[in-house]
Protein backbone atom coordinates (compact mmCIF):
# COMPACT_ATOMS: atom_id res chain seq x y z
CA MET A 1 -326.56 35.52 181.07
CA SER A 2 -323.20 37.22 180.62
CA ARG A 3 -322.70 39.60 177.74
CA VAL A 4 -319.86 41.64 176.31
CA GLN A 5 -319.96 45.40 176.75
CA ILE A 6 -318.53 47.96 174.35
CA ALA A 7 -318.47 51.61 175.45
CA LEU A 8 -317.92 54.17 172.70
CA ASN A 9 -317.20 57.88 172.80
CA VAL A 10 -319.57 59.70 170.43
CA SER A 11 -319.75 63.30 169.25
CA ASN A 12 -323.56 63.58 169.24
CA ILE A 13 -325.57 61.34 171.56
CA ASP A 14 -328.84 61.89 169.65
CA ALA A 15 -327.35 60.93 166.28
CA ALA A 16 -325.59 57.92 167.82
CA VAL A 17 -328.77 56.70 169.54
CA ASP A 18 -330.67 57.05 166.27
CA PHE A 19 -328.01 55.09 164.36
CA TYR A 20 -327.58 52.27 166.89
CA SER A 21 -331.36 51.96 167.39
CA LYS A 22 -331.65 51.31 163.67
CA LEU A 23 -328.58 49.06 163.52
CA PHE A 24 -329.70 46.75 166.32
CA GLY A 25 -333.48 47.21 165.97
CA THR A 26 -334.01 48.29 169.56
CA GLU A 27 -334.27 51.42 171.68
CA PRO A 28 -331.90 52.24 174.55
CA ALA A 29 -332.44 50.50 177.88
CA LYS A 30 -331.26 53.67 179.65
CA ARG A 31 -331.05 57.23 178.34
CA ARG A 32 -329.67 60.22 180.26
CA PRO A 33 -328.04 63.50 179.17
CA GLY A 34 -324.88 62.62 177.25
CA TYR A 35 -325.34 58.91 177.93
CA ALA A 36 -327.25 55.91 176.58
CA ASN A 37 -326.96 52.17 176.89
CA PHE A 38 -328.53 49.37 174.93
CA ALA A 39 -329.20 45.86 176.26
CA ILE A 40 -329.15 43.99 172.97
CA ALA A 41 -330.51 40.45 173.00
CA GLN A 42 -329.03 39.26 169.73
CA PRO A 43 -326.09 39.32 169.65
CA PRO A 44 -325.85 39.48 173.47
CA LEU A 45 -324.28 42.90 173.85
CA LYS A 46 -324.35 45.85 176.21
CA LEU A 47 -323.57 48.91 174.07
CA VAL A 48 -322.78 52.09 176.00
CA LEU A 49 -322.60 55.49 174.30
CA ILE A 50 -320.87 58.38 176.06
CA GLU A 51 -320.99 61.85 174.54
CA ASN A 52 -317.39 63.03 174.44
CA GLN A 53 -316.66 65.25 171.44
CA ALA A 54 -312.92 65.41 172.17
CA ALA A 55 -312.59 61.63 171.85
CA ALA A 56 -315.47 60.90 169.42
CA GLY A 57 -315.09 57.75 167.38
CA THR A 58 -312.80 56.07 169.87
CA LEU A 59 -313.19 53.27 172.34
CA ASN A 60 -314.08 54.31 175.87
CA HIS A 61 -313.76 50.87 177.47
CA LEU A 62 -314.80 47.23 177.17
CA GLY A 63 -316.50 44.99 179.65
CA VAL A 64 -318.36 41.84 180.51
CA GLU A 65 -321.62 42.21 182.41
CA VAL A 66 -322.27 39.25 184.71
CA GLU A 67 -325.27 38.19 186.76
CA THR A 68 -323.79 38.16 190.28
CA THR A 69 -321.16 39.81 192.44
CA ALA A 70 -319.83 36.30 193.10
CA GLU A 71 -318.97 36.10 189.39
CA VAL A 72 -317.09 39.40 189.68
CA ASN A 73 -315.14 38.03 192.65
CA THR A 74 -314.39 34.75 190.84
CA ALA A 75 -313.11 36.66 187.80
CA SER A 76 -310.99 38.91 190.01
CA ASN A 77 -309.40 35.93 191.77
CA ARG A 78 -308.77 34.13 188.47
CA LEU A 79 -307.14 37.18 186.87
CA GLN A 80 -304.94 37.79 189.91
CA GLN A 81 -303.85 34.13 189.97
CA LEU A 82 -302.82 34.54 186.33
CA GLY A 83 -300.58 37.44 187.31
CA LEU A 84 -302.70 40.28 185.91
CA GLU A 85 -302.93 43.59 187.75
CA THR A 86 -306.53 44.17 188.84
CA ARG A 87 -308.45 46.84 190.69
CA THR A 88 -311.69 45.98 192.46
CA GLU A 89 -314.48 48.47 193.10
CA GLU A 90 -317.46 47.68 195.30
CA GLN A 91 -320.70 49.61 195.51
CA VAL A 92 -319.48 52.32 193.10
CA THR A 93 -321.76 54.66 191.21
CA CYS A 94 -320.79 54.89 187.58
CA CYS A 95 -322.89 55.70 184.51
CA TYR A 96 -326.16 55.98 186.39
CA ALA A 97 -325.75 52.59 188.07
CA LEU A 98 -324.53 51.18 191.38
CA GLN A 99 -322.03 48.41 190.59
CA ASP A 100 -319.48 45.91 191.83
CA LYS A 101 -316.58 45.46 189.39
CA VAL A 102 -313.02 44.49 188.72
CA TRP A 103 -310.79 46.32 186.20
CA VAL A 104 -307.90 44.94 184.16
CA LYS A 105 -306.10 46.28 181.09
CA ASP A 106 -304.87 44.50 177.99
CA PRO A 107 -301.23 44.74 176.83
CA ASP A 108 -302.02 47.89 174.82
CA GLY A 109 -303.78 49.54 177.75
CA ALA A 110 -307.41 48.99 176.72
CA PRO A 111 -309.48 48.97 179.93
CA TRP A 112 -311.76 45.98 180.55
CA GLU A 113 -314.23 45.66 183.39
CA ILE A 114 -316.15 42.66 184.67
CA TYR A 115 -319.15 44.03 186.50
CA LYS A 116 -322.54 43.45 188.10
CA VAL A 117 -325.16 46.22 188.07
CA LEU A 118 -326.70 46.29 191.54
CA ALA A 119 -329.23 49.08 191.07
CA ASP A 120 -330.10 52.10 189.00
CA ALA A 121 -328.62 55.38 190.22
CA PRO A 122 -329.94 58.92 189.69
CA VAL A 123 -326.49 60.43 189.18
CA GLN A 124 -323.88 60.28 186.49
CA ASP A 125 -320.31 59.53 187.43
CA ILE A 126 -318.47 59.10 184.15
CA LYS A 127 -314.77 59.53 184.53
CA PRO A 128 -312.35 59.99 181.64
CA VAL A 129 -310.62 56.90 180.37
CA GLU A 130 -306.98 56.57 181.26
CA VAL A 131 -304.66 53.80 180.14
CA SER A 132 -304.53 52.36 183.63
CA THR A 133 -306.50 50.11 185.92
CA LYS A 134 -306.46 53.07 188.30
CA SER A 135 -309.38 54.74 186.45
CA CYS A 136 -313.10 54.07 186.32
CA PRO A 137 -314.20 55.09 182.85
CA CYS A 138 -317.75 53.82 183.24
CA SER A 139 -319.97 50.80 182.69
């Protein structure tokens, strides 16, 4: 099952987790210092919260989580054939997960990733969002 991902910058991770747990009626799938993600069944959504007081209340990035690396590769090829600038990352650690992904940005610079989580990772590697496919904000 594919699902859309929304990653938000929040000022207080505890308050945000409390709010979104109530809003979607579920607890986080993963919780680490300054980070939480929810795997929401209905609607199918991956909600990522990143504590970042300087950018609180803003979008961090968007994404589509897919089931296989082959789907990431297919998306990458399709986007490139359509003339979009992409950046592929393989076996990267980001947001406590090992992932394969492809990045693209919309006309206003909003970063989108299509990604497959390969494994859980014990480390955090959250990079600041830049308006470029040259950055890895997180997933």
